[in-house]
Protein backbone atom coordinates (compact mmCIF):
# COMPACT_ATOMS: atom_id res chain seq x y z
CA MET A 1 73.71 74.70 82.83
CA GLN A 2 71.72 77.09 84.99
CA ASP A 3 73.49 80.14 86.34
CA LYS A 4 73.16 80.08 90.13
CA THR A 5 73.04 83.87 90.27
CA MET A 6 69.69 83.79 88.44
CA LYS A 7 68.05 81.72 91.15
CA PRO A 8 65.93 83.87 93.49
CA LYS A 9 67.19 84.17 97.03
CA TYR A 10 65.37 81.94 99.52
CA ARG A 11 63.12 83.93 101.79
CA PHE A 12 61.11 82.05 104.39
CA PHE A 13 58.43 84.70 104.82
CA ASP A 14 57.97 85.08 101.05
CA ASN A 15 57.39 81.33 100.80
CA PHE A 16 54.88 81.49 103.65
CA ARG A 17 53.07 84.33 101.85
CA TYR A 18 52.93 82.30 98.60
CA ALA A 19 51.47 79.34 100.50
CA ARG A 20 48.87 81.56 102.18
CA GLU A 21 47.95 83.11 98.82
CA GLY A 22 47.56 79.66 97.26
CA PHE A 23 45.37 78.49 100.11
CA LEU A 24 43.19 81.61 99.92
CA GLU A 25 42.89 81.40 96.13
CA VAL A 26 41.68 77.81 96.32
CA PHE A 27 39.32 78.75 99.17
CA LYS A 28 37.83 81.60 97.09
CA SER A 29 37.44 79.62 93.88
CA GLU A 30 36.61 76.04 94.91
CA THR A 31 33.20 75.37 96.43
CA SER A 32 34.14 71.85 97.54
CA PHE A 33 37.19 73.23 99.37
CA LYS A 34 35.05 75.80 101.20
CA ILE A 35 32.63 73.07 102.26
CA GLU A 36 35.47 70.83 103.46
CA VAL A 37 37.09 73.66 105.44
CA VAL A 38 33.78 74.52 107.13
CA ILE A 39 33.06 70.86 107.96
CA ILE A 40 36.59 70.39 109.30
CA ALA A 41 36.27 73.53 111.44
CA ILE A 42 32.95 72.30 112.87
CA LEU A 43 34.34 68.82 113.51
CA SER A 44 37.48 70.24 115.13
CA VAL A 45 35.42 72.27 117.60
CA THR A 46 33.18 69.25 118.17
CA ALA A 47 36.22 67.06 118.86
CA LEU A 48 37.39 69.45 121.56
CA PHE A 49 34.11 69.01 123.45
CA LEU A 50 33.94 65.21 123.20
CA PRO A 51 34.55 63.34 126.47
CA PHE A 52 37.72 61.74 125.12
CA PRO A 53 41.34 62.06 126.27
CA MET A 54 43.38 64.85 124.70
CA TRP A 55 45.37 62.38 122.57
CA ALA A 56 42.15 61.09 120.97
CA LYS A 57 40.98 64.63 120.24
CA ALA A 58 44.34 65.33 118.61
CA VAL A 59 44.03 62.19 116.49
CA LEU A 60 40.57 63.26 115.34
CA ILE A 61 41.72 66.76 114.40
CA VAL A 62 45.04 65.81 112.80
CA GLY A 63 43.29 63.00 110.94
CA MET A 64 41.41 65.61 108.91
CA PHE A 65 44.53 67.35 107.57
CA PRO A 66 44.94 64.90 104.64
CA VAL A 67 41.62 66.15 103.25
CA ILE A 68 42.91 69.73 103.04
CA ILE A 69 46.26 68.60 101.63
CA ALA A 70 44.66 66.37 98.99
CA GLU A 71 42.20 69.08 97.95
CA LEU A 72 44.98 71.67 97.58
CA LEU A 73 47.02 69.24 95.46
CA ASN A 74 43.94 68.33 93.41
CA SER A 75 43.30 72.02 92.73
CA ALA A 76 46.92 72.47 91.66
CA ILE A 77 46.64 69.51 89.26
CA GLU A 78 43.41 70.87 87.80
CA ARG A 79 44.93 74.31 87.22
CA VAL A 80 48.03 72.93 85.54
CA VAL A 81 45.92 70.70 83.29
CA ASP A 82 43.61 73.61 82.43
CA MET A 83 46.62 75.80 81.68
CA TYR A 84 47.94 73.19 79.28
CA THR A 85 44.71 72.41 77.43
CA LYS A 86 41.05 73.39 77.48
CA GLU A 87 40.21 70.61 75.04
CA TYR A 88 39.30 67.10 76.09
CA HIS A 89 42.27 64.79 76.31
CA PRO A 90 42.27 61.35 77.97
CA LEU A 91 45.48 62.10 79.91
CA ALA A 92 44.01 65.37 81.21
CA LYS A 93 40.94 63.45 82.37
CA TYR A 94 43.08 60.80 84.05
CA ALA A 95 45.12 63.45 85.88
CA LYS A 96 42.01 65.23 87.12
CA ASP A 97 40.31 61.96 88.08
CA ALA A 98 43.40 60.82 89.98
CA GLY A 99 43.40 64.07 91.94
CA ALA A 100 39.70 63.65 92.71
CA GLY A 101 40.41 60.06 93.78
CA ALA A 102 43.06 61.29 96.22
CA VAL A 103 40.51 63.63 97.76
CA MET A 104 37.94 60.85 97.99
CA PHE A 105 40.37 58.49 99.73
CA SER A 106 41.55 61.21 102.10
CA ILE A 107 37.92 61.81 103.14
CA ALA A 108 37.42 58.06 103.63
CA PHE A 109 40.64 57.93 105.67
CA SER A 110 39.48 60.77 107.90
CA ALA A 111 36.02 59.28 108.30
CA GLY A 112 37.62 55.94 109.20
CA ILE A 113 39.65 57.60 111.95
CA TRP A 114 36.54 59.25 113.38
CA ILE A 115 34.58 56.00 113.27
CA ALA A 116 37.41 54.01 114.89
CA VAL A 117 37.93 56.52 117.70
CA ILE A 118 34.23 56.89 118.44
CA LEU A 119 33.69 53.12 118.43
CA TYR A 120 36.72 52.64 120.69
CA PHE A 121 35.42 55.05 123.34
CA CYS A 122 31.72 54.27 123.00
CA SER A 123 31.88 50.49 123.07
């Protein structure tokens, strides 16, 4: 049984700092993440200037968040797998491929939102 006195004290700002450090580490080390962040930034600014109602602009911008989330989780999976083994193993490949699949589907989801909103207002 774990001794509760050994558990670190919860500190909100420490947790925020850890999250920021994780985000920045992935941004520094993952080219695909950098590209996605730049594209999302450009599309977010673009969305603000589109002649759509504010709710539609919000849908376009919020609809891109799953891409960032999936890429961060994919990077975490890749690091854990790499920490465990550098050798080829089918389960390691499946874990990494599943993470990449999540990223792919999140991008398709975001693109689908953009297409649907644009078609709705331009038809």
